C-alpha atoms as a PDB file:
ATOM      1  CA  MET A   1       0.000   0.000   0.000  1.00  0.00           C
ATOM      2  CA  GLU A   2       1.403   3.345  -1.017  1.00  0.00           C
ATOM      3  CA  GLN A   3       1.507   6.097   1.604  1.00  0.00           C
ATOM      4  CA  CYS A   4       0.970   9.714   0.725  1.00  0.00           C
ATOM      5  CA  GLN A   5       3.314  11.989   2.632  1.00  0.00           C
ATOM      6  CA  VAL A   6       2.457  15.637   2.998  1.00  0.00           C
ATOM      7  CA  GLU A   7       5.377  18.025   2.888  1.00  0.00           C
ATOM      8  CA  GLY A   8       5.679  20.261   5.925  1.00  0.00           C
ATOM      9  CA  TRP A   9       6.111  23.989   5.744  1.00  0.00           C
ATOM     10  CA  GLU A  10       9.192  25.821   6.967  1.00  0.00           C
ATOM     11  CA  GLY A  11       9.398  29.570   6.909  1.00  0.00           C
ATOM     12  CA  LYS A  12      10.905  32.672   8.399  1.00  0.00           C
ATOM     13  CA  ALA A  13       9.932  36.255   9.062  1.00  0.00           C
ATOM     14  CA  SER A  14      12.588  38.776  10.040  1.00  0.00           C
ATOM     15  CA  ALA A  15      12.687  42.438  10.986  1.00  0.00           C
ATOM     16  CA  LYS A  16      15.705  44.703  11.405  1.00  0.00           C
ATOM     17  CA  LEU A  17      15.920  47.070  14.356  1.00  0.00           C
ATOM     18  CA  PRO A  18      18.739  49.423  13.336  1.00  0.00           C
ATOM     19  CA  SER A  19      18.975  51.291  16.634  1.00  0.00           C
ATOM     20  CA  THR A  20      18.263  48.485  19.109  1.00  0.00           C
ATOM     21  CA  LYS A  21      20.931  46.077  20.306  1.00  0.00           C
ATOM     22  CA  ALA A  22      20.063  42.378  20.444  1.00  0.00           C
ATOM     23  CA  ASP A  23      20.396  42.378  24.248  1.00  0.00           C
ATOM     24  CA  GLU A  24      17.994  45.326  24.517  1.00  0.00           C
ATOM     25  CA  ALA A  25      15.408  43.642  22.297  1.00  0.00           C
ATOM     26  CA  TRP A  26      15.809  40.331  24.126  1.00  0.00           C
ATOM     27  CA  SER A  27      15.327  41.996  27.519  1.00  0.00           C
ATOM     28  CA  LEU A  28      11.867  43.071  26.329  1.00  0.00           C
ATOM     29  CA  LEU A  29      10.878  39.930  24.403  1.00  0.00           C
ATOM     30  CA  SER A  30      12.286  37.195  26.624  1.00  0.00           C
ATOM     31  CA  SER A  31       9.205  36.819  28.815  1.00  0.00           C
ATOM     32  CA  PHE A  32       7.374  33.967  27.066  1.00  0.00           C
ATOM     33  CA  CYS A  33       4.037  34.754  28.693  1.00  0.00           C
ATOM     34  CA  SER A  34       4.191  38.509  28.036  1.00  0.00           C
ATOM     35  CA  ILE A  35       4.195  38.459  24.234  1.00  0.00           C
ATOM     36  CA  HIS A  36       0.921  40.437  24.319  1.00  0.00           C
ATOM     37  CA  LEU A  37       2.904  43.504  25.416  1.00  0.00           C
ATOM     38  CA  TRP A  38       4.546  43.582  21.976  1.00  0.00           C
ATOM     39  CA  PHE A  39       1.811  41.826  19.970  1.00  0.00           C
ATOM     40  CA  PRO A  40      -1.226  43.836  21.135  1.00  0.00           C
ATOM     41  CA  SER A  41      -3.791  42.047  18.958  1.00  0.00           C
ATOM     42  CA  ILE A  42      -3.589  39.068  21.334  1.00  0.00           C
ATOM     43  CA  ASP A  43      -4.102  38.429  25.018  1.00  0.00           C
ATOM     44  CA  CYS A  44      -1.720  36.016  26.693  1.00  0.00           C
ATOM     45  CA  ARG A  45      -1.474  34.387  30.098  1.00  0.00           C
ATOM     46  CA  MET A  46       0.460  31.539  31.656  1.00  0.00           C
ATOM     47  CA  ILE A  47      -1.650  28.452  32.362  1.00  0.00           C
ATOM     48  CA  ALA A  48       1.002  25.931  33.451  1.00  0.00           C
ATOM     49  CA  GLY A  49       4.597  25.737  34.619  1.00  0.00           C
ATOM     50  CA  ALA A  50       7.040  28.488  35.502  1.00  0.00           C
ATOM     51  CA  GLU A  51       7.866  31.469  33.287  1.00  0.00           C
ATOM     52  CA  GLY A  52      10.976  30.882  31.193  1.00  0.00           C
ATOM     53  CA  GLN A  53      11.171  27.179  32.024  1.00  0.00           C
ATOM     54  CA  PRO A  54      10.645  24.508  29.366  1.00  0.00           C
ATOM     55  CA  GLY A  55       7.199  23.018  29.872  1.00  0.00           C
ATOM     56  CA  CYS A  56       5.651  26.414  30.653  1.00  0.00           C
ATOM     57  CA  VAL A  57       2.376  26.828  28.731  1.00  0.00           C
ATOM     58  CA  ARG A  58       0.850  30.123  27.625  1.00  0.00           C
ATOM     59  CA  TYR A  59      -2.703  30.588  26.393  1.00  0.00           C
ATOM     60  CA  CYS A  60      -3.104  33.200  23.663  1.00  0.00           C
ATOM     61  CA  THR A  61      -6.376  34.551  22.299  1.00  0.00           C
ATOM     62  CA  SER A  62      -7.264  37.102  19.673  1.00  0.00           C
ATOM     63  CA  PRO A  63     -10.536  38.984  19.370  1.00  0.00           C
ATOM     64  CA  PRO A  64     -13.189  37.980  16.829  1.00  0.00           C
ATOM     65  CA  GLY A  65     -12.356  38.886  13.244  1.00  0.00           C
ATOM     66  CA  ASP A  66     -13.659  41.818  11.254  1.00  0.00           C
ATOM     67  CA  ASP A  67     -15.853  39.450   9.243  1.00  0.00           C
ATOM     68  CA  GLY A  68     -18.595  39.654  11.879  1.00  0.00           C
ATOM     69  CA  SER A  69     -17.987  36.202  13.279  1.00  0.00           C
ATOM     70  CA  ASP A  70     -18.164  35.673  17.015  1.00  0.00           C
ATOM     71  CA  ALA A  71     -15.277  33.220  17.052  1.00  0.00           C
ATOM     72  CA  ALA A  72     -12.066  34.287  18.685  1.00  0.00           C
ATOM     73  CA  PHE A  73      -8.881  32.438  17.817  1.00  0.00           C
ATOM     74  CA  TRP A  74      -6.936  30.742  20.590  1.00  0.00           C
ATOM     75  CA  ALA A  75      -3.872  28.574  21.058  1.00  0.00           C
ATOM     76  CA  ALA A  76      -2.061  26.887  23.919  1.00  0.00           C
ATOM     77  CA  GLU A  77       1.698  27.060  23.352  1.00  0.00           C
ATOM     78  CA  GLU A  78       4.337  25.127  25.277  1.00  0.00           C
ATOM     79  CA  LEU A  79       7.843  26.481  25.784  1.00  0.00           C
ATOM     80  CA  LEU A  80      10.313  23.882  24.501  1.00  0.00           C
ATOM     81  CA  ALA A  81      13.635  25.675  24.947  1.00  0.00           C
ATOM     82  CA  PHE A  82      14.776  28.958  26.470  1.00  0.00           C
ATOM     83  CA  ASP A  83      18.284  30.233  25.679  1.00  0.00           C
ATOM     84  CA  PRO A  84      19.109  33.611  27.272  1.00  0.00           C
ATOM     85  CA  VAL A  85      22.701  33.513  25.960  1.00  0.00           C
ATOM     86  CA  GLY A  86      21.541  32.864  22.402  1.00  0.00           C
ATOM     87  CA  ARG A  87      18.597  35.235  22.959  1.00  0.00           C
ATOM     88  CA  SER A  88      15.963  32.780  21.733  1.00  0.00           C
ATOM     89  CA  TYR A  89      13.094  30.575  22.749  1.00  0.00           C
ATOM     90  CA  SER A  90      11.263  27.789  20.936  1.00  0.00           C
ATOM     91  CA  TYR A  91       7.698  26.688  21.461  1.00  0.00           C
ATOM     92  CA  LYS A  92       5.039  24.430  19.989  1.00  0.00           C
ATOM     93  CA  VAL A  93       1.300  24.769  19.615  1.00  0.00           C
ATOM     94  CA  THR A  94      -0.328  22.042  21.702  1.00  0.00           C
ATOM     95  CA  GLU A  95      -4.010  22.937  21.246  1.00  0.00           C
ATOM     96  CA  ASN A  96      -5.794  25.511  19.087  1.00  0.00           C
ATOM     97  CA  ASN A  97      -8.875  26.319  17.047  1.00  0.00           C
ATOM     98  CA  MET A  98      -6.981  27.671  14.028  1.00  0.00           C
ATOM     99  CA  GLY A  99      -6.242  24.439  12.208  1.00  0.00           C
ATOM    100  CA  PHE A 100      -2.656  23.930  13.357  1.00  0.00           C
ATOM    101  CA  GLY A 101      -1.553  20.334  13.668  1.00  0.00           C
ATOM    102  CA  ARG A 102       2.182  20.296  14.242  1.00  0.00           C
ATOM    103  CA  TYR A 103       3.630  23.814  14.659  1.00  0.00           C
ATOM    104  CA  VAL A 104       7.023  24.562  16.205  1.00  0.00           C
ATOM    105  CA  ALA A 105       8.521  28.060  16.154  1.00  0.00           C
ATOM    106  CA  THR A 106      11.556  29.949  17.407  1.00  0.00           C
ATOM    107  CA  LEU A 107      11.815  33.650  18.192  1.00  0.00           C
ATOM    108  CA  ARG A 108      15.325  35.089  18.413  1.00  0.00           C
ATOM    109  CA  ALA A 109      17.122  38.424  18.571  1.00  0.00           C
ATOM    110  CA  VAL A 110      20.452  38.360  16.733  1.00  0.00           C
ATOM    111  CA  PRO A 111      23.050  41.123  16.338  1.00  0.00           C
ATOM    112  CA  LEU A 112      23.322  42.637  12.884  1.00  0.00           C
ATOM    113  CA  PRO A 113      26.550  41.455  11.239  1.00  0.00           C
ATOM    114  CA  GLY A 114      29.131  44.239  11.417  1.00  0.00           C
ATOM    115  CA  ASP A 115      26.772  46.614  13.232  1.00  0.00           C
ATOM    116  CA  GLU A 116      26.640  46.194  16.997  1.00  0.00           C
ATOM    117  CA  ARG A 117      24.123  49.057  17.303  1.00  0.00           C
ATOM    118  CA  GLY A 118      21.301  47.065  15.728  1.00  0.00           C
ATOM    119  CA  CYS A 119      19.721  43.634  15.644  1.00  0.00           C
ATOM    120  CA  GLU A 120      17.334  41.472  13.718  1.00  0.00           C
ATOM    121  CA  LEU A 121      14.315  39.669  15.106  1.00  0.00           C
ATOM    122  CA  GLN A 122      13.760  36.278  13.505  1.00  0.00           C
ATOM    123  CA  TRP A 123      10.604  34.178  13.771  1.00  0.00           C
ATOM    124  CA  THR A 124      11.096  30.760  12.192  1.00  0.00           C
ATOM    125  CA  PHE A 125       8.580  27.945  12.016  1.00  0.00           C
ATOM    126  CA  ASP A 126       8.130  24.355  10.942  1.00  0.00           C
ATOM    127  CA  CYS A 127       4.548  23.120  10.668  1.00  0.00           C
ATOM    128  CA  ASP A 128       2.109  20.894   8.897  1.00  0.00           C
ATOM    129  CA  PRO A 129       0.168  22.630   6.109  1.00  0.00           C
ATOM    130  CA  LEU A 130      -2.855  24.577   7.322  1.00  0.00           C
ATOM    131  CA  PRO A 131      -6.298  24.232   5.799  1.00  0.00           C
ATOM    132  CA  ALA A 132      -7.386  27.430   4.012  1.00  0.00           C
ATOM    133  CA  TRP A 133      -3.849  28.897   4.179  1.00  0.00           C
ATOM    134  CA  THR A 134      -0.839  28.893   1.921  1.00  0.00           C
ATOM    135  CA  LYS A 135       2.708  28.805   3.213  1.00  0.00           C
ATOM    136  CA  GLU A 136       3.239  32.259   1.685  1.00  0.00           C
ATOM    137  CA  GLY A 137       0.124  33.539   3.448  1.00  0.00           C
ATOM    138  CA  LEU A 138       1.369  32.250   6.806  1.00  0.00           C
ATOM    139  CA  VAL A 139       4.795  33.828   6.279  1.00  0.00           C
ATOM    140  CA  ALA A 140       3.133  37.133   5.300  1.00  0.00           C
ATOM    141  CA  TYR A 141       0.925  37.004   8.422  1.00  0.00           C
ATOM    142  CA  LEU A 142       3.950  36.395  10.660  1.00  0.00           C
ATOM    143  CA  GLN A 143       5.912  39.124   8.860  1.00  0.00           C
ATOM    144  CA  VAL A 144       3.218  41.754   9.438  1.00  0.00           C
ATOM    145  CA  ASN A 145       3.042  40.822  13.108  1.00  0.00           C
ATOM    146  CA  LEU A 146       6.830  40.712  13.536  1.00  0.00           C
ATOM    147  CA  ASP A 147       7.137  44.138  11.874  1.00  0.00           C
ATOM    148  CA  GLY A 148       4.678  45.481  14.464  1.00  0.00           C
ATOM    149  CA  ILE A 149       6.581  43.817  17.307  1.00  0.00           C
ATOM    150  CA  ALA A 150       9.868  45.269  16.017  1.00  0.00           C
ATOM    151  CA  LYS A 151       8.398  48.783  15.840  1.00  0.00           C
ATOM    152  CA  ARG A 152       7.030  48.562  19.387  1.00  0.00           C
ATOM    153  CA  VAL A 153      10.355  47.263  20.720  1.00  0.00           C
ATOM    154  CA  GLU A 154      12.312  50.034  18.935  1.00  0.00           C
ATOM    155  CA  ASP A 155       9.872  52.640  20.273  1.00  0.00           C
ATOM    156  CA  ALA A 156      10.184  51.271  23.828  1.00  0.00           C
ATOM    157  CA  VAL A 157      13.994  51.293  23.696  1.00  0.00           C
ATOM    158  CA  ARG A 158      14.014  54.811  22.230  1.00  0.00           C
ATOM    159  CA  THR A 159      11.581  56.050  24.912  1.00  0.00           C
ATOM    160  CA  ALA A 160      13.673  54.475  27.690  1.00  0.00           C
ATOM    161  CA  ALA A 161      16.852  56.040  26.279  1.00  0.00           C
ATOM    162  CA  SER A 162      15.189  59.467  26.073  1.00  0.00           C
ATOM    163  CA  ALA A 163      13.917  59.167  29.641  1.00  0.00           C
ATOM    164  CA  ALA A 164      17.370  58.139  30.882  1.00  0.00           C
ATOM    165  CA  LEU A 165      18.947  61.096  29.073  1.00  0.00           C
ATOM    166  CA  SER A 166      16.364  63.489  30.545  1.00  0.00           C
ATOM    167  CA  ASN A 167      17.001  62.130  34.050  1.00  0.00           C
ATOM    168  CA  THR A 168      20.767  62.501  33.594  1.00  0.00           C
ATOM    169  CA  GLN A 169      20.428  66.086  32.377  1.00  0.00           C
ATOM    170  CA  ALA A 170      18.030  66.946  35.207  1.00  0.00           C
ATOM    171  CA  SER A 171      20.464  65.672  37.834  1.00  0.00           C
ATOM    172  CA  GLU A 172      23.394  67.708  36.495  1.00  0.00           C
END
């Protein structure tokens, strides 16, 4: 009997932060259960385990779509690996109502080659094909969201730097 194997999808979204160091970005993004601070279209809370420890599970929800449906999207995501030195974490979707079967992703902040003043955020994934999606559509969705995350992180770092400068000048 011949078996039909479905090819999985692998993809990557990336966003450059020219004025934010990788360590600065990581300090803001490293809290697995606080992704909603940088990805405001979702709510997120820890439902199992300890923050930053493999096995920790976060529950993420998004509001109903603009199409008038009452359904909100949700996913339970388990932290698989947390690497503060490499500034990355990996997770998998364990339950959801979005059609994901197998989905494993990694978020990382890496220094820009030859430019220690900036970094790049990378969101990579490996998953089974999704019904009603294309791989390109999933990558585009992640890219739009990562671009928003990158902008919010850059803005937060810039605001903190301005506040620190103002405090320094005020104390002189």
